[in-house]
Structures are given as C-alpha cells and as structure tokens.
Amino acid sequence: MTTLAAPVAPPKSRPTLGRGAAFTLVAVVIATLLGASAAPTPLYELYQSHWGFSSLQSTLVFGIYAVSLLLALLTVGSLSDYIGRRPVLVTALAFEAVAMAMFASAESLGLLLAARVVQGFATGAAISALGSTLIDLERRPGRGSTVNSIAPTVGLAVGAIGSSLISEHLPRPTSTVFLVFLALFVLELLGIWAAPETAVRQQGALASIRPRLAVPSPALGMLMLTGPCLIAVWALGGFYLSLGPSLARSALDVHTSLIGAIMVATLTGTGAIAVFVLRNVAARRVLLVGTSALIAGVAVTLVGAETSSAAIVLAGTAIAGVGFGAGFQGTIHTVMPLAAPHERAGLLSTIYVIAYLANSVPALLAGYLVGEVGLVDTTRLYGGLVILLAGAAFLGLLVRPAPVSTS
C-alpha cells in the first residue's frame, strides 16, 4: 500500500481563509454542485407541460449532463495535480455560475441542453479537485473520504427538495431556483479564491489533459473488486434523478413535483445518514452492508411499483438509500488510500468516470425503453440490473475480502 505523505504546506503568501474553514467550504461546494445537478429533476413535469417533454427527452437532459461531465473528468480531471487545486476550482465555479444563468433564461429544450453541457463540464472539472482537496486538508486520516461521501448525497437531497419547494411556492418556477444557485456559486468562488493551495505544481499539465484513466497499480485490484457495487449505486441514482418523477406520476398516480423530489431526497438522504453512522466501520463491512441494502431496497421498491403503493416505494427507496451511501463510501474508503498525494485527483477522476457512466448510460437506455415497453416494465428491468450488480459485488467480497483499514 502506498504511504500517504503529509499535506503540502500552504504557500508563503497565506490566504485569508484558515485550513479548517477551507475544509468546510470545500464540503459545502461539493454539496452545492451536486445539489445544482439535481435541481432540474423536480422541474421535468413543468418542462413537460410547457414544452411537451417526453420521458426520453427527460433522460436526454440528464444524460447529456453526465456525458459532458465525463469528458471533463477524462481531460481535465487530474489537472489540479499539476497546476494546483485553486485555479481549477475558481475556473470551474465561474463556468458553473454561467450555467445557472443559462438555466434561468432557458425557454426551449435546446437552451436547456446547452446549459446542462456547461454545467456538466464545470462539475466534472471541479469534482475530483474538490475531493482531493478534502483529503489534502484533513486533520484526521479518513475524515476527508467520509465527508467526500456525505457531501454529494446531502447535496442531491437538498437540491431536489429545495428545487421542488421553490418551483411550487415562488414565482418564475423554472428560473428562481437557478438564480439562487447562481448567487451561491459566486459566493463560493470568492471563498475558494481566499483558500489555501494544497497541491505542489509539477510538470506535465498539457500531457495530463489527454483523455485517459489514471489508476495507480496498488489501487487497480481494489477498484475492480468494488466496481460492480459502484456501478449499481450510481445506476440506481441515475434512475431516480431521471425517471423518479415519472414513476411517481404514472405508477403511483401522484401528480406533484414534490413526490419525485421526496423520492430522490429519501434515497440520498438515507445514504448520507448511512455514511455518517458507518464512518468508523471497516470498509469491507460497509460494502457488505451497502450491497445487501441495495438488493433488499430495490426488491421492496419493485413490489411498491407493482402494487402502486407510494408507502412501499418510499420504504424500499429508504432501504436502497442505505446501500447508495454505504456502497459509495465503501468504495472511496477502500480505493483512495491506495493513491499517493500526487495521484489522488487522477484516481478520483477515474472513480467518477465509472460512476457517471453507470449514472447516465442505463438511464438513457431506460428513457428509450419507457416508450417501447412502458414505465413499469422498464422499472422491473432496471431494478433487476441493479440487484444483479449488487449481488455480484456481494459475492465478490465474500470470495475475496478486501484488506482495508477502518478509517
């Protein structure tokens, strides 16, 4: 296992933001980025009524975001290892603010797709740098990885619920939520500008933007072992973020944007709770809990969809949410400690590439299948895929236990 070096000392001209405050700010930025990514989900019903959205177009809006994010991860995902964390984050947050302005002024599908492309690339450029900065700034080993698992799930939950409440109770429902996020990103950009730099500049920045997957040799075996769980977690998240509102509206006969947001928030909120509760448990046990909860939760959710029971669907979603959080946490805690400081952003980019491929490709396929076989049959197929992947990961962990720490 690679020995982790101590975080790099800040530059001589010290910024105004202290180390502890910077750690908190980075966690908030991660949550805000993921919250903004979930903000369009409760609005799909409004877009459908205004512009005649179909299920396929809803998944396209979601999928094009993930594709753009993947392109960023494959090109500039490890750039902060070479030019520093702060330049990458300031630039990414500036583009994120531009994307929010585009969302707020969008009046057609084309403009909405353009905004998602800008948002996806900005988020992809920032997300691995943010996660690496958390680990750089952590005062206690493992704290950065824990927060890096909690912050995205909290952000997704708050973003979905906040977007739904704003759209239902404030004027200009498809604009106001994005103006709120625009203000937040501007404030966070100023905070990051004042934060300490934690990475040492090194040569090779231009070479680093060639599309590639960076996995240090010590981490490869563990990444392959945890891969099916990672894919199952993010495939499930993709379904809820793209088709969750449709499931609530159709299979459950519930016609309010809030129920779709509640489904997303239940999945990600219980995921955040699971990460916190299991933060000091050995990573292999966390992964076993995660895969088991995914299998059980998705099975219960499918029963709820078959019986058109909102209560059963939400109960299954809560159980699956434990798997959502624990599965991602277990992967991060297993794999990231195997990377040296100068390899962190590259490895985290690779993890997110796998995650967002799983997040987008099955969801896009599901959007197509809804038009061919219907939402309930698509939900059955999608749920079966998640159960199969989680089961494979569970069996793999039993056959080959991962020798990881409890941090």
Protein backbone atom coordinates (compact mmCIF):
# COMPACT_ATOMS: atom_id res chain seq x y z
CA MET A 1 0.00 0.00 0.00
CA THR A 2 1.29 3.44 -0.87
CA THR A 3 2.18 5.54 2.17
CA LEU A 4 0.33 8.84 2.21
CA ALA A 5 2.58 11.85 2.58
CA ALA A 6 1.67 14.75 4.85
CA PRO A 7 -0.37 17.52 3.18
CA VAL A 8 1.71 20.16 1.49
CA ALA A 9 2.26 23.37 3.45
CA PRO A 10 0.43 26.46 2.16
CA PRO A 11 2.39 28.97 0.08
CA LYS A 12 4.29 31.80 1.79
CA SER A 13 1.67 34.44 0.98
CA ARG A 14 -1.03 32.97 3.19
CA PRO A 15 -4.66 33.40 2.06
CA THR A 16 -7.19 34.82 4.47
CA LEU A 17 -9.13 31.55 4.86
CA GLY A 18 -7.86 29.12 7.50
CA ARG A 19 -7.36 25.40 6.99
CA GLY A 20 -10.44 24.32 8.95
CA ALA A 21 -12.66 26.88 7.29
CA ALA A 22 -11.33 25.86 3.88
CA PHE A 23 -12.18 22.20 4.61
CA THR A 24 -15.75 23.18 5.48
CA LEU A 25 -16.05 25.42 2.42
CA VAL A 26 -14.90 22.64 0.08
CA ALA A 27 -17.50 20.27 1.56
CA VAL A 28 -20.20 22.92 1.02
CA VAL A 29 -19.08 23.46 -2.58
CA ILE A 30 -19.34 19.71 -3.29
CA ALA A 31 -22.86 19.65 -1.85
CA THR A 32 -23.85 22.75 -3.85
CA LEU A 33 -22.53 21.32 -7.12
CA LEU A 34 -24.44 18.07 -6.67
CA GLY A 35 -27.50 19.97 -5.47
CA ALA A 36 -27.47 22.04 -8.65
CA SER A 37 -27.21 18.85 -10.70
CA ALA A 38 -30.42 17.56 -9.06
CA ALA A 39 -32.29 20.86 -9.35
CA PRO A 40 -33.82 20.15 -12.81
CA THR A 41 -35.30 16.79 -11.70
CA PRO A 42 -38.45 18.16 -9.96
CA LEU A 43 -38.93 20.58 -12.87
CA TYR A 44 -39.35 17.90 -15.55
CA GLU A 45 -43.13 17.91 -15.09
CA LEU A 46 -43.18 21.70 -15.65
CA TYR A 47 -40.96 21.34 -18.71
CA GLN A 48 -43.28 18.62 -19.96
CA SER A 49 -46.34 20.84 -19.62
CA HIS A 50 -44.59 23.89 -21.12
CA TRP A 51 -42.60 22.24 -23.90
CA GLY A 52 -44.18 18.79 -24.28
CA PHE A 53 -41.29 16.87 -22.71
CA SER A 54 -41.28 13.08 -23.15
CA SER A 55 -39.58 10.53 -20.86
CA LEU A 56 -36.81 10.14 -23.44
CA GLN A 57 -36.20 13.90 -23.50
CA SER A 58 -36.09 13.97 -19.70
CA THR A 59 -33.40 11.32 -19.67
CA LEU A 60 -31.60 13.15 -22.50
CA VAL A 61 -31.40 16.30 -20.39
CA PHE A 62 -29.99 14.18 -17.57
CA GLY A 63 -27.74 12.10 -19.81
CA ILE A 64 -26.11 14.97 -21.70
CA TYR A 65 -25.04 16.43 -18.36
CA ALA A 66 -23.34 13.15 -17.45
CA VAL A 67 -21.64 12.87 -20.85
CA SER A 68 -20.25 16.40 -20.55
CA LEU A 69 -19.10 15.66 -17.02
CA LEU A 70 -17.35 12.51 -18.23
CA LEU A 71 -15.49 14.46 -20.92
CA ALA A 72 -14.26 16.85 -18.25
CA LEU A 73 -13.13 14.01 -15.99
CA LEU A 74 -11.26 12.32 -18.83
CA THR A 75 -9.46 15.51 -19.87
CA VAL A 76 -9.07 17.99 -17.00
CA GLY A 77 -9.98 15.67 -14.13
CA SER A 78 -6.37 15.33 -12.95
CA LEU A 79 -5.26 18.83 -13.96
CA SER A 80 -5.28 20.07 -10.36
CA ASP A 81 -2.49 17.58 -9.57
CA TYR A 82 -0.28 19.65 -11.92
CA ILE A 83 -1.36 23.32 -11.80
CA GLY A 84 -2.89 23.39 -8.32
CA ARG A 85 -6.38 22.91 -6.88
CA ARG A 86 -7.35 26.57 -6.63
CA PRO A 87 -7.00 27.63 -10.32
CA VAL A 88 -9.10 24.66 -11.42
CA LEU A 89 -11.79 25.30 -8.82
CA VAL A 90 -12.08 29.04 -9.44
CA THR A 91 -12.45 28.47 -13.20
CA ALA A 92 -14.94 25.63 -12.75
CA LEU A 93 -17.13 27.65 -10.37
CA ALA A 94 -17.14 30.57 -12.79
CA PHE A 95 -18.48 28.28 -15.53
CA GLU A 96 -20.97 26.77 -13.09
CA ALA A 97 -22.34 30.26 -12.44
CA VAL A 98 -22.66 30.81 -16.21
CA ALA A 99 -24.60 27.54 -16.47
CA MET A 100 -27.03 28.70 -13.78
CA ALA A 101 -27.65 31.92 -15.70
CA MET A 102 -28.33 29.84 -18.83
CA PHE A 103 -30.82 27.66 -16.95
CA ALA A 104 -32.61 30.71 -15.58
CA SER A 105 -33.09 32.15 -19.07
CA ALA A 106 -33.82 28.86 -20.90
CA GLU A 107 -37.10 28.83 -22.83
CA SER A 108 -36.62 25.77 -25.01
CA LEU A 109 -35.15 22.27 -24.95
CA GLY A 110 -32.09 23.42 -26.92
CA LEU A 111 -31.13 26.06 -24.36
CA LEU A 112 -31.74 23.62 -21.53
CA LEU A 113 -29.41 21.08 -23.14
CA ALA A 114 -26.74 23.76 -23.67
CA ALA A 115 -26.94 24.73 -20.01
CA ARG A 116 -26.57 21.08 -18.98
CA VAL A 117 -23.46 20.72 -21.15
CA VAL A 118 -21.79 23.72 -19.49
CA GLN A 119 -22.89 22.54 -16.04
CA GLY A 120 -21.64 19.01 -16.63
CA PHE A 121 -18.19 20.10 -17.79
CA ALA A 122 -17.81 22.57 -14.91
CA THR A 123 -18.87 19.95 -12.36
CA GLY A 124 -16.54 17.34 -13.86
CA ALA A 125 -13.62 19.75 -13.78
CA ALA A 126 -14.26 20.59 -10.13
CA ILE A 127 -15.35 17.34 -8.51
CA SER A 128 -12.05 15.43 -8.38
CA ALA A 129 -10.12 18.58 -7.38
CA LEU A 130 -12.61 19.16 -4.56
CA GLY A 131 -12.40 15.58 -3.30
CA SER A 132 -8.60 15.67 -3.42
CA THR A 133 -8.56 19.00 -1.56
CA LEU A 134 -10.65 17.49 1.24
CA ILE A 135 -8.06 14.73 1.69
CA ASP A 136 -5.22 17.28 1.44
CA LEU A 137 -6.79 19.38 4.22
CA GLU A 138 -7.97 16.61 6.55
CA ARG A 139 -6.61 16.74 10.09
CA ARG A 140 -7.57 13.15 10.85
CA PRO A 141 -6.98 10.29 8.36
CA GLY A 142 -10.21 9.17 6.75
CA ARG A 143 -12.18 12.34 7.52
CA GLY A 144 -11.76 13.70 4.00
CA SER A 145 -13.01 10.47 2.42
CA THR A 146 -16.00 10.39 4.79
CA VAL A 147 -17.01 13.97 4.02
CA ASN A 148 -16.43 13.27 0.32
CA SER A 149 -19.04 10.51 0.60
CA ILE A 150 -21.55 12.50 2.67
CA ALA A 151 -21.45 15.86 0.87
CA PRO A 152 -22.70 14.63 -2.56
CA THR A 153 -25.64 12.73 -1.05
CA VAL A 154 -26.64 15.66 1.15
CA GLY A 155 -26.36 17.99 -1.84
CA LEU A 156 -28.56 15.78 -4.02
CA ALA A 157 -31.23 15.59 -1.32
CA VAL A 158 -31.28 19.31 -0.53
CA GLY A 159 -31.10 20.26 -4.21
CA ALA A 160 -34.06 18.10 -5.19
CA ILE A 161 -36.27 19.17 -2.28
CA GLY A 162 -35.25 22.83 -2.50
CA SER A 163 -35.91 22.95 -6.24
CA SER A 164 -39.35 21.40 -5.79
CA LEU A 165 -40.37 23.75 -2.98
CA ILE A 166 -39.14 26.82 -4.84
CA SER A 167 -40.88 25.78 -8.06
CA GLU A 168 -44.19 25.20 -6.27
CA HIS A 169 -44.25 28.25 -3.99
CA LEU A 170 -42.24 31.04 -5.63
CA PRO A 171 -42.77 32.95 -8.89
CA ARG A 172 -40.93 32.03 -12.11
CA PRO A 173 -40.63 28.35 -11.06
CA THR A 174 -38.16 27.36 -13.78
CA SER A 175 -35.84 30.32 -13.11
CA THR A 176 -35.80 31.21 -9.42
CA VAL A 177 -34.03 28.08 -8.17
CA PHE A 178 -31.17 28.61 -10.62
CA LEU A 179 -30.79 32.26 -9.60
CA VAL A 180 -30.40 31.06 -6.01
CA PHE A 181 -27.67 28.65 -7.07
CA LEU A 182 -26.03 31.39 -9.15
CA ALA A 183 -25.68 33.56 -6.03
CA LEU A 184 -24.28 30.63 -4.05
CA PHE A 185 -21.66 29.80 -6.65
CA VAL A 186 -20.46 33.41 -6.83
CA LEU A 187 -20.00 33.46 -3.05
CA GLU A 188 -18.23 30.10 -3.09
CA LEU A 189 -15.92 31.25 -5.88
CA LEU A 190 -14.80 34.17 -3.68
CA GLY A 191 -14.24 31.76 -0.79
CA ILE A 192 -12.15 29.36 -2.87
CA TRP A 193 -10.09 32.32 -4.11
CA ALA A 194 -9.14 33.01 -0.48
CA ALA A 195 -8.50 29.35 0.43
CA PRO A 196 -5.00 27.86 0.77
CA GLU A 197 -3.43 25.97 -2.13
CA THR A 198 -2.75 22.36 -1.14
CA ALA A 199 -1.08 20.88 -4.23
CA VAL A 200 2.50 21.33 -5.45
CA ARG A 201 2.75 22.40 -9.08
CA GLN A 202 4.56 19.94 -11.32
CA GLN A 203 5.36 19.50 -14.97
CA GLY A 204 3.10 17.55 -17.30
CA ALA A 205 -0.09 19.65 -17.22
CA LEU A 206 -0.55 19.55 -21.01
CA ALA A 207 0.07 15.82 -21.16
CA SER A 208 -2.43 15.29 -18.32
CA ILE A 209 -5.37 16.59 -20.39
CA ARG A 210 -5.07 13.77 -22.91
CA PRO A 211 -8.14 11.57 -22.33
CA ARG A 212 -7.07 8.71 -20.08
CA LEU A 213 -7.93 6.80 -16.93
CA ALA A 214 -5.36 7.17 -14.17
CA VAL A 215 -5.31 4.22 -11.74
CA PRO A 216 -2.19 3.61 -9.62
CA SER A 217 -1.16 -0.05 -9.68
CA PRO A 218 -1.85 -0.65 -5.95
CA ALA A 219 -5.44 0.55 -6.39
CA LEU A 220 -6.35 -1.42 -9.52
CA GLY A 221 -7.33 -4.68 -7.82
CA MET A 222 -9.47 -2.95 -5.22
CA LEU A 223 -11.18 -0.82 -7.87
CA MET A 224 -12.09 -3.94 -9.86
CA LEU A 225 -13.40 -5.61 -6.71
CA THR A 226 -15.64 -2.70 -5.76
CA GLY A 227 -16.59 -1.76 -9.33
CA PRO A 228 -19.92 -3.67 -9.53
CA CYS A 229 -21.10 -2.01 -6.31
CA LEU A 230 -20.06 1.43 -7.58
CA ILE A 231 -21.94 0.83 -10.84
CA ALA A 232 -25.07 -0.41 -9.04
CA VAL A 233 -25.09 2.63 -6.72
CA TRP A 234 -24.82 5.22 -9.47
CA ALA A 235 -27.12 3.39 -11.89
CA LEU A 236 -29.80 3.50 -9.21
CA GLY A 237 -29.16 7.20 -8.64
CA GLY A 238 -29.46 7.84 -12.37
CA PHE A 239 -32.87 6.19 -12.47
CA TYR A 240 -34.23 8.30 -9.62
CA LEU A 241 -32.81 11.56 -10.99
CA SER A 242 -34.14 11.00 -14.50
CA LEU A 243 -37.28 8.85 -14.19
CA GLY A 244 -38.19 9.13 -10.49
CA PRO A 245 -40.81 11.84 -11.13
CA SER A 246 -42.31 9.80 -13.98
CA LEU A 247 -42.57 6.74 -11.74
CA ALA A 248 -44.33 8.78 -9.06
CA ARG A 249 -46.70 10.35 -11.59
CA SER A 250 -47.51 7.20 -13.54
CA ALA A 251 -47.14 4.06 -11.48
CA LEU A 252 -48.15 5.73 -8.21
CA ASP A 253 -50.69 8.15 -9.71
CA VAL A 254 -49.22 11.09 -7.74
CA HIS A 255 -49.22 14.40 -9.60
CA THR A 256 -46.92 16.79 -7.77
CA SER A 257 -43.26 17.59 -8.34
CA LEU A 258 -42.66 17.25 -4.61
CA ILE A 259 -43.13 13.45 -4.58
CA GLY A 260 -40.38 12.98 -7.16
CA ALA A 261 -38.10 15.23 -5.12
CA ILE A 262 -39.01 13.31 -1.96
CA MET A 263 -38.01 10.05 -3.66
CA VAL A 264 -34.61 11.49 -4.61
CA ALA A 265 -34.16 13.02 -1.16
CA THR A 266 -35.13 9.74 0.54
CA LEU A 267 -32.56 7.82 -1.49
CA THR A 268 -29.73 10.30 -1.00
CA GLY A 269 -30.72 11.47 2.50
CA THR A 270 -30.69 7.97 3.98
CA GLY A 271 -27.45 7.48 2.07
CA ALA A 272 -25.89 10.43 3.89
CA ILE A 273 -27.12 9.11 7.24
CA ALA A 274 -25.65 5.68 6.46
CA VAL A 275 -22.28 7.22 5.61
CA PHE A 276 -22.22 9.10 8.92
CA VAL A 277 -23.31 6.11 11.02
CA LEU A 278 -20.82 3.76 9.32
CA ARG A 279 -17.92 6.24 9.15
CA ASN A 280 -15.74 4.27 11.61
CA VAL A 281 -16.68 0.79 10.38
CA ALA A 282 -14.21 -1.26 8.33
CA ALA A 283 -14.66 -0.55 4.62
CA ARG A 284 -15.30 -4.19 3.70
CA ARG A 285 -18.17 -4.36 6.19
CA VAL A 286 -19.53 -1.09 4.85
CA LEU A 287 -19.51 -2.57 1.35
CA LEU A 288 -21.30 -5.72 2.55
CA VAL A 289 -23.96 -3.56 4.21
CA GLY A 290 -24.23 -1.45 1.06
CA THR A 291 -24.68 -4.34 -1.37
CA SER A 292 -27.17 -6.10 0.91
CA ALA A 293 -29.23 -2.92 1.32
CA LEU A 294 -29.23 -2.29 -2.43
CA ILE A 295 -30.60 -5.77 -3.11
CA ALA A 296 -33.28 -5.57 -0.42
CA GLY A 297 -34.24 -1.97 -1.10
CA VAL A 298 -34.65 -2.34 -4.84
CA ALA A 299 -36.69 -5.53 -4.36
CA VAL A 300 -39.07 -3.71 -1.99
CA THR A 301 -39.29 -0.75 -4.37
CA LEU A 302 -40.27 -3.07 -7.22
CA VAL A 303 -43.05 -4.52 -5.07
CA GLY A 304 -44.28 -0.99 -4.41
CA ALA A 305 -44.26 -0.16 -8.12
CA GLU A 306 -46.20 -3.35 -8.92
CA THR A 307 -48.85 -2.57 -6.29
CA SER A 308 -48.89 1.21 -6.94
CA SER A 309 -48.11 1.82 -3.26
CA ALA A 310 -46.29 5.08 -2.55
CA ALA A 311 -45.57 3.95 1.02
CA ILE A 312 -43.86 0.73 -0.11
CA VAL A 313 -41.91 2.56 -2.83
CA LEU A 314 -40.63 5.11 -0.30
CA ALA A 315 -39.78 2.36 2.21
CA GLY A 316 -37.83 0.48 -0.46
CA THR A 317 -36.15 3.71 -1.52
CA ALA A 318 -35.04 4.36 2.07
CA ILE A 319 -33.52 0.87 2.33
CA ALA A 320 -31.85 1.27 -1.05
CA GLY A 321 -30.59 4.66 0.13
CA VAL A 322 -28.56 2.93 2.83
CA GLY A 323 -26.94 0.94 0.03
CA PHE A 324 -26.49 4.10 -2.04
CA GLY A 325 -24.49 5.80 0.70
CA ALA A 326 -22.67 2.79 2.08
CA GLY A 327 -21.73 1.46 -1.35
CA PHE A 328 -20.13 4.72 -2.41
CA GLN A 329 -18.49 5.26 0.98
CA GLY A 330 -17.04 1.75 1.00
CA THR A 331 -15.58 2.24 -2.48
CA ILE A 332 -13.96 5.57 -1.60
CA HIS A 333 -12.55 4.25 1.70
CA THR A 334 -11.22 1.13 0.01
CA VAL A 335 -9.60 2.65 -3.05
CA MET A 336 -8.48 6.21 -2.28
CA PRO A 337 -5.97 5.37 0.50
CA LEU A 338 -4.00 3.39 -2.10
CA ALA A 339 -3.08 6.54 -4.06
CA ALA A 340 -0.15 8.85 -3.33
CA PRO A 341 -0.97 12.57 -2.87
CA HIS A 342 0.02 13.45 -6.43
CA GLU A 343 -2.21 10.62 -7.76
CA ARG A 344 -5.39 11.49 -5.86
CA ALA A 345 -7.18 13.69 -8.39
CA GLY A 346 -6.44 11.27 -11.24
CA LEU A 347 -7.72 8.24 -9.32
CA LEU A 348 -10.80 10.07 -8.08
CA SER A 349 -11.50 11.16 -11.66
CA THR A 350 -11.43 7.52 -12.75
CA ILE A 351 -13.85 6.56 -9.97
CA TYR A 352 -16.22 9.32 -11.08
CA VAL A 353 -15.87 8.31 -14.74
CA ILE A 354 -17.10 4.82 -13.83
CA ALA A 355 -19.79 6.31 -11.60
CA TYR A 356 -21.19 8.71 -14.19
CA LEU A 357 -21.10 6.15 -16.99
CA ALA A 358 -23.23 3.98 -14.72
CA ASN A 359 -25.31 7.04 -13.87
CA SER A 360 -26.09 8.02 -17.47
CA VAL A 361 -25.95 5.08 -19.90
CA PRO A 362 -28.55 2.86 -18.17
CA ALA A 363 -30.79 5.91 -17.57
CA LEU A 364 -30.67 6.87 -21.25
CA LEU A 365 -31.48 3.29 -22.23
CA ALA A 366 -34.34 3.30 -19.72
CA GLY A 367 -35.72 6.51 -21.22
CA TYR A 368 -35.86 4.79 -24.59
CA LEU A 369 -37.41 1.62 -23.16
CA VAL A 370 -40.21 3.57 -21.47
CA GLY A 371 -41.53 4.44 -24.93
CA GLU A 372 -41.20 0.83 -26.10
CA VAL A 373 -42.35 -1.34 -23.17
CA GLY A 374 -43.77 1.13 -20.64
CA LEU A 375 -42.55 2.55 -17.34
CA VAL A 376 -43.43 -0.41 -15.10
CA ASP A 377 -41.64 -2.97 -17.29
CA THR A 378 -38.66 -0.63 -17.61
CA THR A 379 -38.56 -0.29 -13.83
CA ARG A 380 -38.55 -4.09 -13.50
CA LEU A 381 -35.62 -4.44 -15.91
CA TYR A 382 -33.69 -1.60 -14.31
CA GLY A 383 -34.25 -2.92 -10.81
CA GLY A 384 -33.16 -6.39 -11.90
CA LEU A 385 -29.90 -4.96 -13.29
CA VAL A 386 -29.12 -3.16 -10.02
CA ILE A 387 -29.87 -6.29 -7.98
CA LEU A 388 -27.63 -8.38 -10.27
CA LEU A 389 -24.71 -5.97 -9.96
CA ALA A 390 -25.07 -5.61 -6.20
CA GLY A 391 -25.27 -9.39 -5.86
CA ALA A 392 -22.09 -9.83 -7.90
CA ALA A 393 -20.28 -7.34 -5.68
CA PHE A 394 -21.56 -9.05 -2.53
CA LEU A 395 -20.33 -12.45 -3.70
CA GLY A 396 -17.00 -10.99 -4.79
CA LEU A 397 -16.45 -9.53 -1.32
CA LEU A 398 -17.21 -12.88 0.30
CA VAL A 399 -14.81 -14.73 -2.00
CA ARG A 400 -12.03 -12.14 -1.78
CA PRO A 401 -12.21 -9.97 1.34
CA ALA A 402 -10.57 -6.61 0.86
CA PRO A 403 -7.75 -5.88 3.32
CA VAL A 404 -8.63 -2.29 4.17
CA SER A 405 -8.42 -0.06 7.21
CA THR A 406 -11.32 1.07 9.38
CA SER A 407 -10.73 4.76 8.76
